[in-house]
N, C-alpha and C. Protein backbone atom coordinates (compact mmCIF):
# COMPACT_ATOMS: atom_id res chain seq x y z
N MET A 1 -15.56 -4.12 -7.28
CA MET A 1 -16.24 -2.82 -7.66
C MET A 1 -17.02 -3.12 -8.92
N LEU A 2 -18.13 -2.49 -9.06
CA LEU A 2 -18.96 -2.51 -10.28
C LEU A 2 -19.08 -1.03 -10.75
N MET A 3 -18.81 -0.92 -12.02
CA MET A 3 -18.94 0.40 -12.77
C MET A 3 -20.16 0.40 -13.57
N HIS A 4 -20.85 1.44 -13.41
CA HIS A 4 -22.33 1.60 -14.13
C HIS A 4 -21.97 2.88 -15.02
N ILE A 5 -22.02 2.82 -16.32
CA ILE A 5 -21.82 3.82 -17.28
C ILE A 5 -23.03 4.04 -18.11
N VAL A 6 -23.54 5.24 -18.05
CA VAL A 6 -24.71 5.51 -18.96
C VAL A 6 -24.37 6.79 -19.80
N SER A 7 -24.89 6.70 -21.06
CA SER A 7 -24.60 7.92 -21.99
C SER A 7 -26.07 8.32 -22.62
N PHE A 8 -26.30 9.55 -22.53
CA PHE A 8 -27.61 10.10 -23.01
C PHE A 8 -27.59 10.90 -24.18
N LYS A 9 -28.34 10.76 -25.21
CA LYS A 9 -28.46 11.61 -26.40
C LYS A 9 -29.82 12.08 -26.37
N TYR A 10 -29.90 13.53 -26.20
CA TYR A 10 -31.14 14.10 -26.04
C TYR A 10 -31.82 14.39 -27.38
N HIS A 11 -33.26 14.37 -27.32
CA HIS A 11 -33.93 14.73 -28.56
C HIS A 11 -33.48 16.20 -28.92
N ALA A 12 -33.56 16.31 -30.22
CA ALA A 12 -33.05 17.67 -30.82
C ALA A 12 -33.82 18.93 -30.13
N GLY A 13 -35.05 18.77 -29.84
CA GLY A 13 -35.73 19.84 -29.22
C GLY A 13 -35.55 20.17 -27.77
N VAL A 14 -34.75 19.41 -27.07
CA VAL A 14 -34.50 19.54 -25.69
C VAL A 14 -33.51 20.71 -25.52
N ASP A 15 -33.96 21.71 -24.86
CA ASP A 15 -33.20 22.98 -24.73
C ASP A 15 -32.05 22.83 -23.48
N GLY A 16 -31.20 23.73 -23.53
CA GLY A 16 -30.04 23.62 -22.65
C GLY A 16 -30.51 23.75 -21.10
N ASP A 17 -31.51 24.42 -20.76
CA ASP A 17 -32.02 24.50 -19.44
C ASP A 17 -32.49 23.10 -19.02
N ALA A 18 -33.23 22.43 -19.85
CA ALA A 18 -33.76 21.06 -19.58
C ALA A 18 -32.63 20.00 -19.46
N ARG A 19 -31.53 20.21 -20.17
CA ARG A 19 -30.29 19.39 -20.20
C ARG A 19 -29.62 19.56 -18.83
N THR A 20 -29.58 20.87 -18.37
CA THR A 20 -28.83 21.22 -17.13
C THR A 20 -29.65 20.76 -16.02
N ARG A 21 -30.95 20.83 -15.93
CA ARG A 21 -31.77 20.26 -14.86
C ARG A 21 -31.63 18.78 -14.80
N HIS A 22 -31.49 18.10 -15.95
CA HIS A 22 -31.42 16.58 -15.99
C HIS A 22 -29.98 16.22 -15.35
N ARG A 23 -28.98 16.90 -15.70
CA ARG A 23 -27.61 16.63 -15.11
C ARG A 23 -27.72 16.87 -13.63
N GLN A 24 -28.42 17.94 -13.11
CA GLN A 24 -28.41 18.20 -11.74
C GLN A 24 -29.08 17.17 -11.01
N ARG A 25 -30.14 16.62 -11.57
CA ARG A 25 -30.94 15.49 -10.98
C ARG A 25 -30.13 14.29 -10.98
N LEU A 26 -29.34 14.08 -12.04
CA LEU A 26 -28.43 12.85 -11.92
C LEU A 26 -27.38 13.09 -10.85
N GLN A 27 -26.86 14.19 -10.71
CA GLN A 27 -25.82 14.46 -9.68
C GLN A 27 -26.34 14.23 -8.27
N ALA A 28 -27.58 14.60 -8.11
CA ALA A 28 -28.21 14.50 -6.78
C ALA A 28 -28.44 13.00 -6.43
N LEU A 29 -28.25 12.03 -7.29
CA LEU A 29 -28.31 10.72 -6.99
C LEU A 29 -27.01 10.21 -6.20
N SER A 30 -26.08 11.05 -6.03
CA SER A 30 -24.81 10.66 -5.48
C SER A 30 -24.99 10.41 -3.94
N THR A 31 -26.14 10.84 -3.37
CA THR A 31 -26.38 10.66 -1.95
C THR A 31 -27.06 9.34 -1.65
N LEU A 32 -27.56 8.62 -2.71
CA LEU A 32 -28.23 7.37 -2.49
C LEU A 32 -27.41 6.20 -1.92
N ASP A 33 -27.98 5.36 -1.05
CA ASP A 33 -27.34 4.23 -0.50
C ASP A 33 -26.65 3.42 -1.54
N GLY A 34 -25.46 3.00 -1.39
CA GLY A 34 -24.76 2.05 -2.24
C GLY A 34 -23.89 2.73 -3.29
N VAL A 35 -24.12 4.06 -3.45
CA VAL A 35 -23.30 4.80 -4.48
C VAL A 35 -22.04 5.17 -3.66
N ILE A 36 -20.84 4.72 -4.28
CA ILE A 36 -19.53 5.08 -3.82
C ILE A 36 -19.03 6.30 -4.35
N GLU A 37 -19.21 6.45 -5.60
CA GLU A 37 -18.84 7.57 -6.34
C GLU A 37 -19.69 7.88 -7.58
N LEU A 38 -20.02 9.07 -7.85
CA LEU A 38 -20.87 9.49 -8.97
C LEU A 38 -20.32 10.63 -9.72
N LYS A 39 -20.11 10.46 -11.04
CA LYS A 39 -19.77 11.63 -11.76
C LYS A 39 -20.71 11.81 -12.96
N VAL A 40 -21.07 13.00 -13.29
CA VAL A 40 -21.87 13.29 -14.34
C VAL A 40 -21.29 14.54 -15.17
N GLY A 41 -21.49 14.44 -16.40
CA GLY A 41 -20.87 15.61 -17.18
C GLY A 41 -21.48 15.81 -18.61
N GLU A 42 -21.21 17.00 -19.18
CA GLU A 42 -21.58 17.30 -20.57
C GLU A 42 -20.58 17.10 -21.52
N ASP A 43 -20.89 16.45 -22.68
CA ASP A 43 -19.93 16.21 -23.79
C ASP A 43 -19.20 17.47 -24.20
N VAL A 44 -17.95 17.42 -24.28
CA VAL A 44 -17.22 18.64 -24.78
C VAL A 44 -16.66 18.50 -26.16
N VAL A 45 -16.78 17.33 -26.77
CA VAL A 45 -16.21 17.12 -28.09
C VAL A 45 -17.25 17.44 -29.20
N HIS A 46 -18.44 16.98 -28.99
CA HIS A 46 -19.52 17.25 -29.98
C HIS A 46 -19.27 16.65 -31.35
N SER A 47 -18.70 15.54 -31.39
CA SER A 47 -18.56 14.83 -32.65
C SER A 47 -19.80 14.20 -33.02
N PRO A 48 -19.93 13.70 -34.30
CA PRO A 48 -21.17 13.07 -34.75
C PRO A 48 -21.54 11.75 -33.93
N ARG A 49 -20.50 11.13 -33.30
CA ARG A 49 -20.85 9.92 -32.65
C ARG A 49 -21.01 10.22 -31.05
N SER A 50 -20.83 11.47 -30.63
CA SER A 50 -20.86 11.78 -29.27
C SER A 50 -22.36 11.73 -28.78
N PHE A 51 -22.31 11.42 -27.46
CA PHE A 51 -23.74 11.44 -26.70
C PHE A 51 -23.58 12.81 -25.90
N ASP A 52 -24.57 13.28 -25.37
CA ASP A 52 -24.73 14.68 -24.80
C ASP A 52 -24.27 14.68 -23.37
N THR A 53 -24.70 13.64 -22.54
CA THR A 53 -24.37 13.54 -21.21
C THR A 53 -23.92 12.19 -20.85
N GLY A 54 -22.87 12.11 -19.88
CA GLY A 54 -22.30 10.88 -19.45
C GLY A 54 -22.44 10.81 -17.91
N LEU A 55 -22.59 9.62 -17.50
CA LEU A 55 -22.83 9.19 -16.04
C LEU A 55 -22.01 8.11 -15.75
N ILE A 56 -21.23 8.15 -14.67
CA ILE A 56 -20.38 6.96 -14.20
C ILE A 56 -20.72 6.92 -12.72
N ILE A 57 -21.13 5.61 -12.29
CA ILE A 57 -21.33 5.42 -10.86
C ILE A 57 -20.45 4.11 -10.47
N ARG A 58 -19.84 4.33 -9.33
CA ARG A 58 -19.07 3.14 -8.79
C ARG A 58 -19.87 2.53 -7.52
N PHE A 59 -20.19 1.22 -7.69
CA PHE A 59 -20.89 0.49 -6.65
C PHE A 59 -19.89 -0.53 -6.09
N ALA A 60 -20.21 -0.93 -4.91
CA ALA A 60 -19.43 -2.08 -4.29
C ALA A 60 -19.59 -3.34 -5.03
N ASP A 61 -20.89 -3.60 -5.51
CA ASP A 61 -21.19 -4.86 -6.07
C ASP A 61 -22.49 -4.86 -6.82
N ARG A 62 -22.82 -5.98 -7.40
CA ARG A 62 -24.12 -6.03 -8.27
C ARG A 62 -25.24 -5.74 -7.42
N ALA A 63 -25.28 -6.31 -6.15
CA ALA A 63 -26.43 -5.99 -5.23
C ALA A 63 -26.66 -4.56 -5.00
N ALA A 64 -25.69 -3.76 -4.89
CA ALA A 64 -25.93 -2.33 -4.69
C ALA A 64 -26.33 -1.64 -5.90
N LEU A 65 -25.91 -2.14 -7.12
CA LEU A 65 -26.51 -1.53 -8.37
C LEU A 65 -28.00 -1.97 -8.46
N ASP A 66 -28.35 -3.20 -8.19
CA ASP A 66 -29.79 -3.66 -8.26
C ASP A 66 -30.62 -2.90 -7.37
N ALA A 67 -30.13 -2.52 -6.13
CA ALA A 67 -30.92 -1.69 -5.14
C ALA A 67 -31.09 -0.32 -5.60
N TYR A 68 -30.04 0.24 -6.26
CA TYR A 68 -30.02 1.61 -6.78
C TYR A 68 -31.13 1.65 -7.99
N GLN A 69 -31.14 0.74 -8.82
CA GLN A 69 -32.00 0.62 -9.89
C GLN A 69 -33.52 0.78 -9.34
N LYS A 70 -33.84 0.21 -8.30
CA LYS A 70 -35.27 0.12 -7.65
C LYS A 70 -35.45 1.31 -6.73
N ASN A 71 -34.50 2.11 -6.47
CA ASN A 71 -34.69 3.11 -5.36
C ASN A 71 -35.62 4.14 -5.89
N PRO A 72 -36.58 4.48 -4.92
CA PRO A 72 -37.75 5.42 -5.32
C PRO A 72 -37.30 6.79 -5.71
N THR A 73 -36.04 7.16 -5.29
CA THR A 73 -35.54 8.45 -5.61
C THR A 73 -34.85 8.36 -7.16
N HIS A 74 -34.25 7.19 -7.54
CA HIS A 74 -33.73 7.08 -8.79
C HIS A 74 -34.77 6.87 -9.92
N VAL A 75 -35.90 6.21 -9.61
CA VAL A 75 -36.84 5.82 -10.68
C VAL A 75 -37.33 7.09 -11.46
N PRO A 76 -37.85 8.08 -10.70
CA PRO A 76 -38.32 9.28 -11.50
C PRO A 76 -37.18 9.99 -12.35
N VAL A 77 -35.96 9.94 -11.85
CA VAL A 77 -34.87 10.52 -12.56
C VAL A 77 -34.64 9.69 -13.89
N ALA A 78 -34.68 8.38 -13.78
CA ALA A 78 -34.57 7.51 -14.95
C ALA A 78 -35.65 7.77 -15.94
N GLN A 79 -36.77 7.94 -15.47
CA GLN A 79 -38.10 8.16 -16.23
C GLN A 79 -37.85 9.49 -17.08
N LEU A 80 -37.41 10.55 -16.33
CA LEU A 80 -37.09 11.72 -16.91
C LEU A 80 -36.14 11.57 -18.15
N GLY A 81 -35.02 10.85 -17.90
CA GLY A 81 -34.06 10.56 -18.91
C GLY A 81 -34.69 10.01 -20.20
N VAL A 82 -35.66 8.97 -19.92
CA VAL A 82 -36.26 8.38 -20.99
C VAL A 82 -37.06 9.42 -21.84
N SER A 83 -37.77 10.28 -21.06
CA SER A 83 -38.56 11.27 -21.81
C SER A 83 -37.80 12.37 -22.59
N LEU A 84 -36.56 12.64 -22.13
CA LEU A 84 -35.85 13.60 -22.80
C LEU A 84 -34.87 13.05 -23.99
N CYS A 85 -34.63 11.81 -24.08
CA CYS A 85 -33.73 11.19 -24.93
C CYS A 85 -34.22 10.37 -26.02
N GLU A 86 -33.49 10.54 -27.18
CA GLU A 86 -33.79 9.66 -28.29
C GLU A 86 -33.14 8.36 -28.05
N GLN A 87 -31.89 8.36 -27.34
CA GLN A 87 -31.16 7.19 -27.05
C GLN A 87 -30.33 7.18 -25.85
N ILE A 88 -30.50 6.06 -25.04
CA ILE A 88 -29.65 5.95 -23.78
C ILE A 88 -29.00 4.56 -23.95
N VAL A 89 -27.67 4.49 -23.63
CA VAL A 89 -27.04 3.34 -23.64
C VAL A 89 -26.31 3.14 -22.35
N ALA A 90 -26.01 1.88 -21.95
CA ALA A 90 -25.42 1.63 -20.59
C ALA A 90 -24.51 0.48 -20.75
N VAL A 91 -23.55 0.47 -19.93
CA VAL A 91 -22.62 -0.71 -19.71
C VAL A 91 -22.29 -0.80 -18.17
N ASP A 92 -22.32 -2.10 -17.65
CA ASP A 92 -22.04 -2.36 -16.31
C ASP A 92 -20.79 -3.42 -16.28
N PHE A 93 -19.77 -3.16 -15.59
CA PHE A 93 -18.79 -4.10 -15.55
C PHE A 93 -17.94 -4.12 -14.28
N GLU A 94 -17.43 -5.26 -14.02
CA GLU A 94 -16.60 -5.47 -12.72
C GLU A 94 -15.32 -4.83 -12.94
N HIS A 95 -14.74 -4.20 -11.95
CA HIS A 95 -13.56 -3.52 -11.96
C HIS A 95 -12.85 -3.76 -10.67
N PRO A 96 -11.55 -4.21 -10.67
CA PRO A 96 -10.89 -4.44 -9.47
C PRO A 96 -10.73 -3.16 -8.65
N THR A 97 -10.72 -3.29 -7.30
CA THR A 97 -10.57 -2.18 -6.50
C THR A 97 -9.24 -1.52 -6.64
N ASP A 98 -9.25 -0.15 -6.54
CA ASP A 98 -7.94 0.52 -6.72
C ASP A 98 -7.09 0.28 -5.34
N ASP A 99 -5.89 0.03 -5.52
CA ASP A 99 -5.02 -0.12 -4.38
C ASP A 99 -4.28 1.17 -3.99
């Protein structure tokens, strides 16, 4: 399994409605080919080091992640994130399958 984790820190002027719409668009990516599981949520701690939105996606392998990155449904959602955020960080790592 490959875990894809992304954290989004919105620009200060991005209002709650825009943040909600972004999370909804991220959630809609759960139906794309290769996505085994997708979770998206709003930060509840609000510490100085917190990001605003988190995304976790589980893929079977690197090939599935690569296909997802190029998917024409994913690309505009990724571009929206870039336009709304002052910072986006990601980590991708192999994780053994759960037994």
